[in-house]
Amino acid sequence: NQQDDLENYQGIVACGGFSYGDVLGAGGGWAKSILYSSLLRDQFATFFARQDSFSLGVCNGCQMLSHLQELIPGAQYWPQFKTNLSEQFEARFSLVEIMPSASIFLNDMAGSQLPIATSHGEGRAVFTNDQTKQQAQSEVVLRYIDNYGNIAHRYPDNPNGSTEGICGLT
């Protein structure tokens, strides 16, 4: 059997599904399986450093990528995703606004306000300090908004309690 390698791929998508979430926190076990394997760690670091690659993390995949920020150039200001302030699993329709960004998936949709399905127990974006939160502002691509288009600060419009309604970064 020939072993596959990330050098054979231009893009990776890490989807949700609560992989390892009940053991080491959302996406934590998944990330550790990469960080603690020198082979995988090196492959992912090389992949993220390439100029022709992209990645997309959804749900636990987003949480996993946030744990890999030391391998991802430009991700040093990303938050970790912690337990929702409601301390419960949230599954609902939420409104989001797409922010101007360099995201290859969303850059042409800036200003759009869309309903999305949210489903998570650990989606609250938590920054190490106010300085990292300020640095990350240019990387924010999605924010929860209320029915008037304002940043959602309160539950249930902001289902996880993320500061400034942040729910997606690039």
N, C-alpha and C. Protein backbone atom coordinates (compact mmCIF):
# COMPACT_ATOMS: atom_id res chain seq x y z
N ASN A 1 0.82 -1.19 0.00
CA ASN A 1 0.00 0.00 0.00
C ASN A 1 0.87 1.25 0.00
N GLN A 2 0.54 2.17 -0.90
CA GLN A 2 1.23 3.44 -0.93
C GLN A 2 0.51 4.40 0.01
N GLN A 3 1.26 5.09 0.86
CA GLN A 3 0.67 6.02 1.81
C GLN A 3 0.37 7.34 1.13
N ASP A 4 -0.82 7.89 1.38
CA ASP A 4 -1.18 9.17 0.81
C ASP A 4 -0.49 10.29 1.58
N ASP A 5 -0.43 11.47 0.98
CA ASP A 5 0.28 12.59 1.58
C ASP A 5 -0.48 13.87 1.22
N LEU A 6 -0.48 14.86 2.10
CA LEU A 6 -1.17 16.12 1.83
C LEU A 6 -0.59 16.89 0.66
N GLU A 7 0.63 16.56 0.24
CA GLU A 7 1.20 17.25 -0.92
C GLU A 7 0.39 16.95 -2.18
N ASN A 8 -0.43 15.90 -2.16
CA ASN A 8 -1.26 15.54 -3.30
C ASN A 8 -2.57 16.32 -3.36
N TYR A 9 -2.80 17.23 -2.40
CA TYR A 9 -4.07 17.94 -2.31
C TYR A 9 -3.85 19.44 -2.30
N GLN A 10 -4.80 20.15 -2.89
CA GLN A 10 -4.77 21.60 -2.87
C GLN A 10 -5.68 22.13 -1.77
N GLY A 11 -6.72 21.37 -1.42
CA GLY A 11 -7.65 21.82 -0.40
C GLY A 11 -8.06 20.69 0.52
N ILE A 12 -8.34 21.04 1.76
CA ILE A 12 -8.89 20.07 2.71
C ILE A 12 -10.09 20.71 3.40
N VAL A 13 -11.09 19.89 3.66
CA VAL A 13 -12.27 20.33 4.38
C VAL A 13 -12.45 19.41 5.58
N ALA A 14 -12.46 20.02 6.76
CA ALA A 14 -12.67 19.27 8.00
C ALA A 14 -14.09 19.57 8.46
N CYS A 15 -14.94 18.55 8.40
CA CYS A 15 -16.37 18.74 8.71
C CYS A 15 -16.67 18.46 10.17
N GLY A 16 -17.90 18.67 10.54
CA GLY A 16 -18.35 18.43 11.91
C GLY A 16 -18.66 16.97 12.14
N GLY A 17 -19.34 16.71 13.22
CA GLY A 17 -19.73 15.34 13.54
C GLY A 17 -19.28 14.92 14.92
N PHE A 18 -18.81 15.84 15.73
CA PHE A 18 -18.47 15.60 17.13
C PHE A 18 -17.37 14.57 17.31
N SER A 19 -16.46 14.52 16.35
CA SER A 19 -15.33 13.60 16.42
C SER A 19 -14.47 13.91 17.63
N TYR A 20 -14.36 13.01 18.55
CA TYR A 20 -13.54 13.11 19.75
C TYR A 20 -14.03 14.19 20.72
N GLY A 21 -15.12 14.88 20.41
CA GLY A 21 -15.57 16.00 21.21
C GLY A 21 -15.90 15.65 22.64
N ASP A 22 -16.35 14.44 22.88
CA ASP A 22 -16.73 14.08 24.24
C ASP A 22 -15.53 13.68 25.09
N VAL A 23 -14.35 13.60 24.49
CA VAL A 23 -13.17 13.15 25.22
C VAL A 23 -12.26 14.32 25.60
N LEU A 24 -11.92 15.16 24.63
CA LEU A 24 -10.91 16.20 24.85
C LEU A 24 -11.40 17.59 24.48
N GLY A 25 -12.68 17.81 24.43
CA GLY A 25 -13.19 19.10 24.01
C GLY A 25 -13.36 19.14 22.50
N ALA A 26 -14.18 20.05 22.04
CA ALA A 26 -14.54 20.12 20.64
C ALA A 26 -13.31 20.28 19.75
N GLY A 27 -13.07 19.30 18.91
CA GLY A 27 -11.96 19.33 17.97
C GLY A 27 -10.59 19.08 18.59
N GLY A 28 -10.50 19.05 19.90
CA GLY A 28 -9.21 18.92 20.58
C GLY A 28 -8.52 17.59 20.34
N GLY A 29 -9.26 16.50 20.43
CA GLY A 29 -8.68 15.18 20.21
C GLY A 29 -8.22 15.02 18.78
N TRP A 30 -9.01 15.53 17.86
CA TRP A 30 -8.67 15.49 16.45
C TRP A 30 -7.37 16.24 16.20
N ALA A 31 -7.25 17.45 16.76
CA ALA A 31 -6.04 18.25 16.59
C ALA A 31 -4.83 17.56 17.21
N LYS A 32 -5.01 16.98 18.37
CA LYS A 32 -3.88 16.32 19.04
C LYS A 32 -3.39 15.11 18.24
N SER A 33 -4.29 14.44 17.51
CA SER A 33 -3.84 13.31 16.69
C SER A 33 -2.92 13.79 15.57
N ILE A 34 -3.01 15.07 15.21
CA ILE A 34 -2.12 15.67 14.22
C ILE A 34 -0.87 16.23 14.90
N LEU A 35 -1.06 16.98 15.98
CA LEU A 35 0.06 17.64 16.65
C LEU A 35 1.05 16.67 17.28
N TYR A 36 0.56 15.52 17.75
CA TYR A 36 1.44 14.57 18.44
C TYR A 36 2.02 13.49 17.53
N SER A 37 1.76 13.60 16.24
CA SER A 37 2.37 12.69 15.26
C SER A 37 3.33 13.53 14.41
N SER A 38 4.61 13.25 14.50
CA SER A 38 5.57 14.07 13.75
C SER A 38 5.29 14.01 12.24
N LEU A 39 4.90 12.85 11.73
CA LEU A 39 4.59 12.72 10.31
C LEU A 39 3.43 13.63 9.92
N LEU A 40 2.32 13.54 10.65
CA LEU A 40 1.14 14.36 10.34
C LEU A 40 1.41 15.84 10.60
N ARG A 41 2.06 16.15 11.71
CA ARG A 41 2.37 17.54 12.04
C ARG A 41 3.16 18.19 10.91
N ASP A 42 4.19 17.51 10.43
CA ASP A 42 5.01 18.05 9.35
C ASP A 42 4.21 18.21 8.06
N GLN A 43 3.37 17.22 7.74
CA GLN A 43 2.56 17.30 6.52
C GLN A 43 1.59 18.48 6.59
N PHE A 44 0.92 18.65 7.73
CA PHE A 44 -0.03 19.75 7.86
C PHE A 44 0.67 21.09 7.85
N ALA A 45 1.81 21.21 8.53
CA ALA A 45 2.56 22.48 8.54
C ALA A 45 2.98 22.85 7.12
N THR A 46 3.47 21.88 6.37
CA THR A 46 3.88 22.12 4.98
C THR A 46 2.67 22.51 4.13
N PHE A 47 1.56 21.80 4.31
CA PHE A 47 0.34 22.09 3.56
C PHE A 47 -0.13 23.53 3.82
N PHE A 48 -0.21 23.91 5.10
CA PHE A 48 -0.70 25.25 5.44
C PHE A 48 0.25 26.34 4.96
N ALA A 49 1.54 26.05 4.85
CA ALA A 49 2.52 27.05 4.42
C ALA A 49 2.50 27.28 2.91
N ARG A 50 1.92 26.35 2.17
CA ARG A 50 1.88 26.49 0.72
C ARG A 50 1.02 27.69 0.31
N GLN A 51 1.37 28.31 -0.79
CA GLN A 51 0.61 29.45 -1.31
C GLN A 51 -0.58 29.01 -2.16
N ASP A 52 -0.63 27.74 -2.55
CA ASP A 52 -1.69 27.24 -3.43
C ASP A 52 -2.66 26.32 -2.70
N SER A 53 -2.71 26.39 -1.38
CA SER A 53 -3.60 25.48 -0.63
C SER A 53 -4.66 26.27 0.11
N PHE A 54 -5.74 25.58 0.45
CA PHE A 54 -6.80 26.18 1.27
C PHE A 54 -7.36 25.11 2.19
N SER A 55 -7.98 25.56 3.26
CA SER A 55 -8.67 24.64 4.16
C SER A 55 -9.95 25.31 4.62
N LEU A 56 -10.92 24.47 4.95
CA LEU A 56 -12.20 24.93 5.48
C LEU A 56 -12.54 24.04 6.65
N GLY A 57 -12.83 24.65 7.77
CA GLY A 57 -13.25 23.90 8.94
C GLY A 57 -14.68 24.26 9.30
N VAL A 58 -15.54 23.25 9.42
CA VAL A 58 -16.94 23.46 9.76
C VAL A 58 -17.21 22.71 11.06
N CYS A 59 -17.83 23.39 12.02
CA CYS A 59 -18.21 22.78 13.30
C CYS A 59 -16.96 22.25 14.00
N ASN A 60 -16.89 20.96 14.27
CA ASN A 60 -15.70 20.41 14.93
C ASN A 60 -14.45 20.60 14.08
N GLY A 61 -14.60 20.69 12.78
CA GLY A 61 -13.46 20.97 11.92
C GLY A 61 -12.89 22.36 12.16
N CYS A 62 -13.75 23.33 12.39
CA CYS A 62 -13.31 24.68 12.74
C CYS A 62 -12.60 24.66 14.09
N GLN A 63 -13.18 23.96 15.04
CA GLN A 63 -12.57 23.87 16.36
C GLN A 63 -11.22 23.16 16.28
N MET A 64 -11.14 22.12 15.45
CA MET A 64 -9.88 21.42 15.26
C MET A 64 -8.84 22.36 14.68
N LEU A 65 -9.19 23.11 13.63
CA LEU A 65 -8.24 24.04 13.03
C LEU A 65 -7.78 25.10 14.02
N SER A 66 -8.68 25.54 14.91
CA SER A 66 -8.27 26.54 15.90
C SER A 66 -7.21 25.99 16.84
N HIS A 67 -7.21 24.68 17.08
CA HIS A 67 -6.18 24.06 17.90
C HIS A 67 -4.86 23.88 17.12
N LEU A 68 -4.92 23.99 15.80
CA LEU A 68 -3.72 23.86 14.97
C LEU A 68 -3.12 25.21 14.59
N GLN A 69 -3.57 26.29 15.23
CA GLN A 69 -3.16 27.63 14.80
C GLN A 69 -1.65 27.82 14.78
N GLU A 70 -0.90 27.09 15.60
CA GLU A 70 0.56 27.24 15.58
C GLU A 70 1.16 26.73 14.27
N LEU A 71 0.41 25.92 13.52
CA LEU A 71 0.89 25.41 12.24
C LEU A 71 0.40 26.24 11.06
N ILE A 72 -0.57 27.14 11.30
CA ILE A 72 -1.23 27.87 10.22
C ILE A 72 -0.74 29.32 10.19
N PRO A 73 0.01 29.70 9.14
CA PRO A 73 0.49 31.08 9.04
C PRO A 73 -0.68 32.07 9.08
N GLY A 74 -0.56 33.09 9.91
CA GLY A 74 -1.60 34.11 10.01
C GLY A 74 -2.71 33.80 10.98
N ALA A 75 -2.66 32.66 11.65
CA ALA A 75 -3.75 32.27 12.55
C ALA A 75 -3.43 32.53 14.02
N GLN A 76 -2.35 33.23 14.30
CA GLN A 76 -1.93 33.40 15.69
C GLN A 76 -2.94 34.16 16.55
N TYR A 77 -3.87 34.88 15.94
CA TYR A 77 -4.85 35.64 16.71
C TYR A 77 -6.22 34.96 16.78
N TRP A 78 -6.32 33.79 16.19
CA TRP A 78 -7.60 33.08 16.24
C TRP A 78 -7.98 32.73 17.68
N PRO A 79 -9.27 32.64 17.94
CA PRO A 79 -9.72 32.25 19.28
C PRO A 79 -9.76 30.73 19.44
N GLN A 80 -9.97 30.30 20.64
CA GLN A 80 -10.34 28.91 20.92
C GLN A 80 -11.86 28.91 21.05
N PHE A 81 -12.47 27.77 20.87
CA PHE A 81 -13.92 27.69 20.97
C PHE A 81 -14.28 26.92 22.23
N LYS A 82 -15.03 27.61 23.10
CA LYS A 82 -15.34 27.09 24.43
C LYS A 82 -16.85 26.84 24.57
N THR A 83 -17.22 26.27 25.70
CA THR A 83 -18.62 25.95 25.98
C THR A 83 -19.51 27.18 25.84
N ASN A 84 -20.66 27.01 25.22
CA ASN A 84 -21.63 28.10 25.07
C ASN A 84 -21.98 28.68 26.43
N LEU A 85 -22.23 29.98 26.48
CA LEU A 85 -22.60 30.61 27.74
C LEU A 85 -23.88 30.03 28.32
N SER A 86 -24.75 29.52 27.47
CA SER A 86 -25.99 28.90 27.94
C SER A 86 -25.72 27.57 28.63
N GLU A 87 -24.49 27.06 28.49
CA GLU A 87 -24.07 25.77 29.03
C GLU A 87 -24.93 24.61 28.52
N GLN A 88 -25.42 24.78 27.30
CA GLN A 88 -26.19 23.72 26.67
C GLN A 88 -25.90 23.67 25.18
N PHE A 89 -26.25 22.55 24.59
CA PHE A 89 -26.13 22.39 23.15
C PHE A 89 -27.17 23.29 22.50
N GLU A 90 -26.76 24.07 21.51
CA GLU A 90 -27.66 24.98 20.81
C GLU A 90 -27.86 24.50 19.38
N ALA A 91 -29.11 24.30 19.01
CA ALA A 91 -29.46 23.92 17.63
C ALA A 91 -30.61 24.83 17.21
N ARG A 92 -30.33 25.74 16.30
CA ARG A 92 -31.35 26.73 15.91
C ARG A 92 -30.97 27.39 14.59
N PHE A 93 -31.90 28.16 14.04
CA PHE A 93 -31.57 29.03 12.92
C PHE A 93 -31.06 30.33 13.50
N SER A 94 -29.99 30.83 12.94
CA SER A 94 -29.41 32.10 13.37
C SER A 94 -29.17 32.95 12.14
N LEU A 95 -29.16 34.26 12.36
CA LEU A 95 -28.83 35.18 11.27
C LEU A 95 -27.36 35.55 11.38
N VAL A 96 -26.69 35.58 10.23
CA VAL A 96 -25.29 36.01 10.18
C VAL A 96 -25.12 37.05 9.09
N GLU A 97 -24.10 37.86 9.26
CA GLU A 97 -23.68 38.79 8.23
C GLU A 97 -22.29 38.39 7.79
N ILE A 98 -22.07 38.42 6.48
CA ILE A 98 -20.76 38.11 5.93
C ILE A 98 -19.96 39.40 5.84
N MET A 99 -18.78 39.38 6.44
CA MET A 99 -17.91 40.55 6.51
C MET A 99 -16.95 40.57 5.32
N PRO A 100 -16.47 41.76 4.95
CA PRO A 100 -15.43 41.82 3.91
C PRO A 100 -14.19 41.06 4.39
N SER A 101 -13.63 40.25 3.52
CA SER A 101 -12.47 39.45 3.93
C SER A 101 -11.74 38.92 2.70
N ALA A 102 -10.65 38.23 2.98
CA ALA A 102 -9.88 37.58 1.92
C ALA A 102 -10.32 36.13 1.72
N SER A 103 -11.40 35.71 2.37
CA SER A 103 -11.86 34.33 2.26
C SER A 103 -12.22 33.97 0.82
N ILE A 104 -11.65 32.87 0.32
CA ILE A 104 -11.97 32.46 -1.06
C ILE A 104 -13.40 31.97 -1.17
N PHE A 105 -14.01 31.64 -0.04
CA PHE A 105 -15.39 31.16 -0.06
C PHE A 105 -16.41 32.29 0.06
N LEU A 106 -16.06 33.37 0.75
CA LEU A 106 -17.06 34.38 1.09
C LEU A 106 -16.75 35.80 0.62
N ASN A 107 -15.58 36.05 0.03
CA ASN A 107 -15.18 37.42 -0.27
C ASN A 107 -16.14 38.16 -1.20
N ASP A 108 -16.79 37.47 -2.11
CA ASP A 108 -17.74 38.14 -3.01
C ASP A 108 -19.14 38.27 -2.41
N MET A 109 -19.30 37.81 -1.19
CA MET A 109 -20.62 37.85 -0.54
C MET A 109 -20.68 38.87 0.59
N ALA A 110 -19.65 39.70 0.75
CA ALA A 110 -19.59 40.68 1.84
C ALA A 110 -20.87 41.51 1.87
N GLY A 111 -21.40 41.69 3.07
CA GLY A 111 -22.62 42.46 3.27
C GLY A 111 -23.88 41.61 3.25
N SER A 112 -23.79 40.39 2.78
CA SER A 112 -24.97 39.51 2.76
C SER A 112 -25.38 39.15 4.18
N GLN A 113 -26.69 39.09 4.39
CA GLN A 113 -27.25 38.66 5.67
C GLN A 113 -28.07 37.42 5.40
N LEU A 114 -27.70 36.32 6.04
CA LEU A 114 -28.29 35.02 5.72
C LEU A 114 -28.71 34.26 6.97
N PRO A 115 -29.78 33.48 6.87
CA PRO A 115 -30.09 32.55 7.96
C PRO A 115 -29.24 31.28 7.79
N ILE A 116 -28.70 30.79 8.87
CA ILE A 116 -27.92 29.55 8.83
C ILE A 116 -28.38 28.64 9.96
N ALA A 117 -28.13 27.37 9.82
CA ALA A 117 -28.39 26.42 10.90
C ALA A 117 -27.14 26.37 11.78
N THR A 118 -27.33 26.51 13.07
CA THR A 118 -26.22 26.35 14.02
C THR A 118 -26.52 25.15 14.90
N SER A 119 -25.49 24.42 15.23
CA SER A 119 -25.63 23.21 16.04
C SER A 119 -24.31 22.96 16.74
N HIS A 120 -24.22 23.38 17.99
CA HIS A 120 -22.95 23.21 18.70
C HIS A 120 -23.13 23.39 20.21
N GLY A 121 -22.22 22.80 20.93
CA GLY A 121 -22.17 22.97 22.38
C GLY A 121 -20.97 23.79 22.80
N GLU A 122 -19.98 23.90 21.90
CA GLU A 122 -18.75 24.64 22.19
C GLU A 122 -18.41 25.54 21.01
N GLY A 123 -19.17 26.61 20.85
CA GLY A 123 -18.97 27.51 19.72
C GLY A 123 -18.59 28.91 20.11
N ARG A 124 -18.42 29.17 21.40
CA ARG A 124 -18.12 30.53 21.87
C ARG A 124 -16.65 30.86 21.62
N ALA A 125 -16.42 31.87 20.77
CA ALA A 125 -15.06 32.30 20.44
C ALA A 125 -14.47 33.03 21.64
N VAL A 126 -13.36 32.50 22.15
CA VAL A 126 -12.69 33.09 23.31
C VAL A 126 -11.25 33.43 22.92
N PHE A 127 -10.92 34.70 23.04
CA PHE A 127 -9.58 35.18 22.71
C PHE A 127 -8.71 35.22 23.96
N THR A 128 -7.40 35.11 23.76
CA THR A 128 -6.49 35.10 24.91
C THR A 128 -6.54 36.41 25.67
N ASN A 129 -6.71 37.52 24.96
CA ASN A 129 -6.81 38.83 25.62
C ASN A 129 -7.41 39.82 24.63
N ASP A 130 -7.60 41.06 25.10
CA ASP A 130 -8.21 42.08 24.25
C ASP A 130 -7.35 42.42 23.03
N GLN A 131 -6.03 42.33 23.20
CA GLN A 131 -5.14 42.63 22.08
C GLN A 131 -5.32 41.61 20.95
N THR A 132 -5.38 40.32 21.30
CA THR A 132 -5.58 39.32 20.24
C THR A 132 -6.96 39.46 19.62
N LYS A 133 -7.95 39.84 20.42
CA LYS A 133 -9.29 40.07 19.86
C LYS A 133 -9.24 41.21 18.85
N GLN A 134 -8.54 42.29 19.16
CA GLN A 134 -8.42 43.42 18.22
C GLN A 134 -7.66 43.00 16.96
N GLN A 135 -6.58 42.23 17.13
CA GLN A 135 -5.80 41.78 15.98
C GLN A 135 -6.63 40.89 15.06
N ALA A 136 -7.54 40.12 15.64
CA ALA A 136 -8.35 39.17 14.86
C ALA A 136 -9.49 39.84 14.09
N GLN A 137 -9.79 41.09 14.36
CA GLN A 137 -10.94 41.74 13.73
C GLN A 137 -10.88 41.68 12.20
N SER A 138 -9.70 41.80 11.63
CA SER A 138 -9.59 41.75 10.16
C SER A 138 -9.78 40.34 9.62
N GLU A 139 -9.76 39.34 10.50
CA GLU A 139 -9.91 37.95 10.08
C GLU A 139 -11.34 37.43 10.26
N VAL A 140 -12.21 38.25 10.84
CA VAL A 140 -13.60 37.84 11.07
C VAL A 140 -14.36 37.86 9.75
N VAL A 141 -15.01 36.75 9.41
CA VAL A 141 -15.78 36.68 8.17
C VAL A 141 -17.28 36.53 8.41
N LEU A 142 -17.66 36.05 9.58
CA LEU A 142 -19.08 35.87 9.91
C LEU A 142 -19.36 36.38 11.32
N ARG A 143 -20.49 37.10 11.45
CA ARG A 143 -20.96 37.56 12.76
C ARG A 143 -22.44 37.24 12.88
N TYR A 144 -22.83 36.84 14.08
CA TYR A 144 -24.26 36.72 14.35
C TYR A 144 -24.85 38.13 14.39
N ILE A 145 -26.04 38.27 13.80
CA ILE A 145 -26.74 39.56 13.84
C ILE A 145 -28.17 39.33 14.34
N ASP A 146 -28.79 40.42 14.77
CA ASP A 146 -30.19 40.33 15.19
C ASP A 146 -31.09 40.63 13.99
N ASN A 147 -32.40 40.67 14.21
CA ASN A 147 -33.35 40.89 13.12
C ASN A 147 -33.25 42.27 12.48
N TYR A 148 -32.50 43.19 13.11
CA TYR A 148 -32.32 44.54 12.57
C TYR A 148 -30.98 44.71 11.87
N GLY A 149 -30.19 43.64 11.83
CA GLY A 149 -28.89 43.69 11.18
C GLY A 149 -27.76 44.18 12.08
N ASN A 150 -28.04 44.34 13.38
CA ASN A 150 -27.01 44.76 14.33
C ASN A 150 -26.27 43.54 14.85
N ILE A 151 -25.02 43.73 15.27
CA ILE A 151 -24.26 42.64 15.87
C ILE A 151 -25.05 42.07 17.03
N ALA A 152 -25.22 40.77 17.05
CA ALA A 152 -25.98 40.10 18.11
C ALA A 152 -25.09 39.91 19.33
N HIS A 153 -25.45 40.57 20.41
CA HIS A 153 -24.70 40.45 21.66
C HIS A 153 -25.42 39.54 22.64
N ARG A 154 -26.73 39.38 22.46
CA ARG A 154 -27.53 38.66 23.47
C ARG A 154 -28.08 37.35 22.92
N TYR A 155 -28.31 36.46 23.81
CA TYR A 155 -28.94 35.17 23.55
C TYR A 155 -30.42 35.41 23.28
N PRO A 156 -31.08 34.77 22.37
CA PRO A 156 -30.64 33.66 21.54
C PRO A 156 -30.08 34.07 20.18
N ASP A 157 -30.09 35.39 19.87
CA ASP A 157 -29.56 35.82 18.57
C ASP A 157 -28.08 35.45 18.43
N ASN A 158 -27.37 35.47 19.54
CA ASN A 158 -25.97 35.03 19.59
C ASN A 158 -26.01 33.74 20.44
N PRO A 159 -26.17 32.59 19.81
CA PRO A 159 -26.46 31.36 20.56
C PRO A 159 -25.33 30.83 21.44
N ASN A 160 -24.10 31.30 21.21
CA ASN A 160 -23.01 30.77 22.03
C ASN A 160 -22.38 31.80 22.95
N GLY A 161 -22.68 33.08 22.76
CA GLY A 161 -22.12 34.11 23.62
C GLY A 161 -20.78 34.65 23.15
N SER A 162 -20.42 34.41 21.89
CA SER A 162 -19.15 34.91 21.36
C SER A 162 -19.12 36.44 21.41
N THR A 163 -17.98 36.97 21.79
CA THR A 163 -17.79 38.41 21.79
C THR A 163 -18.01 38.98 20.38
N GLU A 164 -18.68 40.10 20.29
CA GLU A 164 -18.93 40.76 19.00
C GLU A 164 -19.67 39.86 18.00
N GLY A 165 -20.31 38.79 18.48
CA GLY A 165 -21.07 37.90 17.60
C GLY A 165 -20.22 37.09 16.65
N ILE A 166 -18.93 36.99 16.90
CA ILE A 166 -18.00 36.32 15.98
C ILE A 166 -18.35 34.84 15.87
N CYS A 167 -18.51 34.38 14.63
CA CYS A 167 -18.79 32.96 14.42
C CYS A 167 -18.04 32.37 13.23
N GLY A 168 -17.12 33.13 12.63
CA GLY A 168 -16.31 32.60 11.54
C GLY A 168 -15.11 33.49 11.30
N LEU A 169 -13.96 32.85 11.06
CA LEU A 169 -12.71 33.59 10.80
C LEU A 169 -12.02 33.01 9.57
N THR A 170 -11.13 33.82 8.99
CA THR A 170 -10.32 33.36 7.87
C THR A 170 -8.86 33.53 8.19
